[in-house]
Amino acid sequence: MRLVTKKANIRCGHQLGKVELKASQNFVRIDDTPILVRQDTQGCKIDGCPPIPPLKPCLVTLSEITGHSDFIRISGRPVTLDLLKGLTSGDPPATVPYTVHHPGQTFVRQK
């Protein structure tokens, strides 16, 4: 399980929508890129998800379901792992997941 950074490739379940990531902390980094922590992927814009009528595209990430370390924390918040899974605003509502396609780094992992 690799730690996820702001350079990660996280996509909606339709595979074309890419999540625009933000990092809430900036002082712990891998290869000069901030590591993501719990809730960093909530409320992020999703670009590129195509509308599939009559369904609406994924536009924003909602809640994180799973994918955080039980052991590693930054300022008390669990770091995000490449097992991350959350939900998007796409149709049907709160059923289209988002997942990590690449964690943004290959150096640091949790065993």
C-alpha atoms as a PDB file:
ATOM      1  CA  MET A   1       0.000   0.000   0.000  1.00  0.00           C
ATOM      2  CA  ARG A   2       1.624   3.194  -1.200  1.00  0.00           C
ATOM      3  CA  LEU A   3       1.076   6.629   0.304  1.00  0.00           C
ATOM      4  CA  VAL A   4      -0.817   9.007  -1.999  1.00  0.00           C
ATOM      5  CA  THR A   5       0.559  12.433  -2.943  1.00  0.00           C
ATOM      6  CA  LYS A   6      -0.912  15.487  -4.616  1.00  0.00           C
ATOM      7  CA  LYS A   7       0.504  14.192  -7.944  1.00  0.00           C
ATOM      8  CA  ALA A   8      -1.743  11.101  -7.784  1.00  0.00           C
ATOM      9  CA  ASN A   9      -4.002  10.043 -10.632  1.00  0.00           C
ATOM     10  CA  ILE A  10      -7.441   9.596  -9.061  1.00  0.00           C
ATOM     11  CA  ARG A  11     -10.388   9.000 -11.383  1.00  0.00           C
ATOM     12  CA  CYS A  12     -14.134   8.560 -11.234  1.00  0.00           C
ATOM     13  CA  GLY A  13     -15.697   5.191 -11.999  1.00  0.00           C
ATOM     14  CA  HIS A  14     -16.266   6.215 -15.617  1.00  0.00           C
ATOM     15  CA  GLN A  15     -12.433   6.312 -15.958  1.00  0.00           C
ATOM     16  CA  LEU A  16     -12.360   9.610 -17.892  1.00  0.00           C
ATOM     17  CA  GLY A  17     -12.985  12.035 -15.037  1.00  0.00           C
ATOM     18  CA  LYS A  18      -9.794  13.091 -13.240  1.00  0.00           C
ATOM     19  CA  VAL A  19      -9.929  14.460  -9.697  1.00  0.00           C
ATOM     20  CA  GLU A  20      -8.193  17.825  -9.119  1.00  0.00           C
ATOM     21  CA  LEU A  21      -6.380  17.225  -5.833  1.00  0.00           C
ATOM     22  CA  LYS A  22      -5.635  19.615  -3.005  1.00  0.00           C
ATOM     23  CA  ALA A  23      -3.399  18.937  -0.012  1.00  0.00           C
ATOM     24  CA  SER A  24      -4.381  20.296   3.394  1.00  0.00           C
ATOM     25  CA  GLN A  25      -0.855  19.904   4.743  1.00  0.00           C
ATOM     26  CA  ASN A  26       2.333  21.058   3.082  1.00  0.00           C
ATOM     27  CA  PHE A  27       5.157  20.094   5.423  1.00  0.00           C
ATOM     28  CA  VAL A  28       5.418  16.300   4.926  1.00  0.00           C
ATOM     29  CA  ARG A  29       6.405  15.479   1.350  1.00  0.00           C
ATOM     30  CA  ILE A  30       7.639  12.711  -0.891  1.00  0.00           C
ATOM     31  CA  ASP A  31       9.850  13.882  -3.752  1.00  0.00           C
ATOM     32  CA  ASP A  32       8.858  17.479  -2.890  1.00  0.00           C
ATOM     33  CA  THR A  33       5.111  16.716  -3.253  1.00  0.00           C
ATOM     34  CA  PRO A  34       2.692  16.925  -0.291  1.00  0.00           C
ATOM     35  CA  ILE A  35       1.216  13.668   1.042  1.00  0.00           C
ATOM     36  CA  LEU A  36      -2.591  13.570   1.168  1.00  0.00           C
ATOM     37  CA  VAL A  37      -4.412  12.935   4.449  1.00  0.00           C
ATOM     38  CA  ARG A  38      -7.999  12.049   5.391  1.00  0.00           C
ATOM     39  CA  GLN A  39     -10.584  14.380   3.818  1.00  0.00           C
ATOM     40  CA  ASP A  40      -8.163  15.851   1.246  1.00  0.00           C
ATOM     41  CA  THR A  41     -10.061  14.133  -1.582  1.00  0.00           C
ATOM     42  CA  GLN A  42     -13.499  15.272  -0.409  1.00  0.00           C
ATOM     43  CA  GLY A  43     -15.058  18.178  -2.280  1.00  0.00           C
ATOM     44  CA  CYS A  44     -12.557  18.095  -5.150  1.00  0.00           C
ATOM     45  CA  LYS A  45     -13.526  19.078  -8.687  1.00  0.00           C
ATOM     46  CA  ILE A  46     -13.639  16.297 -11.309  1.00  0.00           C
ATOM     47  CA  ASP A  47     -12.671  17.235 -14.873  1.00  0.00           C
ATOM     48  CA  GLY A  48     -13.368  15.246 -18.004  1.00  0.00           C
ATOM     49  CA  CYS A  49     -16.238  12.974 -16.966  1.00  0.00           C
ATOM     50  CA  PRO A  50     -18.502  12.766 -19.997  1.00  0.00           C
ATOM     51  CA  PRO A  51     -22.255  13.248 -19.704  1.00  0.00           C
ATOM     52  CA  ILE A  52     -24.025   9.993 -20.528  1.00  0.00           C
ATOM     53  CA  PRO A  53     -27.680  10.941 -21.088  1.00  0.00           C
ATOM     54  CA  PRO A  54     -29.886  10.815 -19.168  1.00  0.00           C
ATOM     55  CA  LEU A  55     -27.307  10.598 -16.359  1.00  0.00           C
ATOM     56  CA  LYS A  56     -25.265  13.580 -15.212  1.00  0.00           C
ATOM     57  CA  PRO A  57     -21.437  13.448 -15.170  1.00  0.00           C
ATOM     58  CA  CYS A  58     -19.280  13.267 -12.046  1.00  0.00           C
ATOM     59  CA  LEU A  59     -18.478  16.877 -11.133  1.00  0.00           C
ATOM     60  CA  VAL A  60     -17.214  16.670  -7.550  1.00  0.00           C
ATOM     61  CA  THR A  61     -15.985  14.084  -5.053  1.00  0.00           C
ATOM     62  CA  LEU A  62     -18.131  13.353  -2.028  1.00  0.00           C
ATOM     63  CA  SER A  63     -17.199  11.211   0.968  1.00  0.00           C
ATOM     64  CA  GLU A  64     -14.161   8.971   1.348  1.00  0.00           C
ATOM     65  CA  ILE A  65     -15.224   5.413   2.172  1.00  0.00           C
ATOM     66  CA  THR A  66     -11.939   3.649   2.811  1.00  0.00           C
ATOM     67  CA  GLY A  67      -8.209   3.932   2.162  1.00  0.00           C
ATOM     68  CA  HIS A  68      -6.423   5.516   5.120  1.00  0.00           C
ATOM     69  CA  SER A  69      -3.609   4.288   7.323  1.00  0.00           C
ATOM     70  CA  ASP A  70      -4.336   2.997  10.814  1.00  0.00           C
ATOM     71  CA  PHE A  71      -0.688   3.624  11.732  1.00  0.00           C
ATOM     72  CA  ILE A  72       0.722   6.684   9.939  1.00  0.00           C
ATOM     73  CA  ARG A  73      -0.626  10.153  10.744  1.00  0.00           C
ATOM     74  CA  ILE A  74       0.287  13.730   9.946  1.00  0.00           C
ATOM     75  CA  SER A  75      -0.952  16.266  12.504  1.00  0.00           C
ATOM     76  CA  GLY A  76      -3.290  13.602  13.862  1.00  0.00           C
ATOM     77  CA  ARG A  77      -4.889  12.804  10.483  1.00  0.00           C
ATOM     78  CA  PRO A  78      -4.375   9.409   8.803  1.00  0.00           C
ATOM     79  CA  VAL A  79      -2.430   9.487   5.537  1.00  0.00           C
ATOM     80  CA  THR A  80      -4.216   8.436   2.363  1.00  0.00           C
ATOM     81  CA  LEU A  81      -3.255   5.075   0.835  1.00  0.00           C
ATOM     82  CA  ASP A  82      -3.593   3.836  -2.736  1.00  0.00           C
ATOM     83  CA  LEU A  83      -6.545   1.674  -1.593  1.00  0.00           C
ATOM     84  CA  LEU A  84      -8.632   4.860  -1.401  1.00  0.00           C
ATOM     85  CA  LYS A  85     -12.242   4.606  -2.497  1.00  0.00           C
ATOM     86  CA  GLY A  86     -14.851   7.339  -2.308  1.00  0.00           C
ATOM     87  CA  LEU A  87     -18.072   8.459  -3.957  1.00  0.00           C
ATOM     88  CA  THR A  88     -18.819  11.143  -6.552  1.00  0.00           C
ATOM     89  CA  SER A  89     -21.744  13.388  -7.435  1.00  0.00           C
ATOM     90  CA  GLY A  90     -22.387  11.436 -10.673  1.00  0.00           C
ATOM     91  CA  ASP A  91     -25.640   9.613 -11.395  1.00  0.00           C
ATOM     92  CA  PRO A  92     -27.054   7.647  -9.804  1.00  0.00           C
ATOM     93  CA  PRO A  93     -26.222   9.932  -6.856  1.00  0.00           C
ATOM     94  CA  ALA A  94     -23.595   8.704  -4.373  1.00  0.00           C
ATOM     95  CA  THR A  95     -23.032   5.411  -6.204  1.00  0.00           C
ATOM     96  CA  VAL A  96     -20.258   6.211  -8.708  1.00  0.00           C
ATOM     97  CA  PRO A  97     -16.889   5.617  -7.005  1.00  0.00           C
ATOM     98  CA  TYR A  98     -13.541   7.322  -7.360  1.00  0.00           C
ATOM     99  CA  THR A  99     -10.309   5.369  -6.941  1.00  0.00           C
ATOM    100  CA  VAL A 100      -6.540   5.743  -7.197  1.00  0.00           C
ATOM    101  CA  HIS A 101      -5.013   4.775 -10.557  1.00  0.00           C
ATOM    102  CA  HIS A 102      -1.502   5.846  -9.521  1.00  0.00           C
ATOM    103  CA  PRO A 103      -0.480   7.158  -6.077  1.00  0.00           C
ATOM    104  CA  GLY A 104       1.827   9.862  -7.465  1.00  0.00           C
ATOM    105  CA  GLN A 105       4.953   8.225  -6.079  1.00  0.00           C
ATOM    106  CA  THR A 106       6.596   4.784  -5.886  1.00  0.00           C
ATOM    107  CA  PHE A 107       9.050   5.291  -3.009  1.00  0.00           C
ATOM    108  CA  VAL A 108       7.045   5.065   0.226  1.00  0.00           C
ATOM    109  CA  ARG A 109       4.646   2.336   1.241  1.00  0.00           C
ATOM    110  CA  GLN A 110       2.977   0.988   4.342  1.00  0.00           C
ATOM    111  CA  LYS A 111       3.268  -2.737   4.921  1.00  0.00           C
END
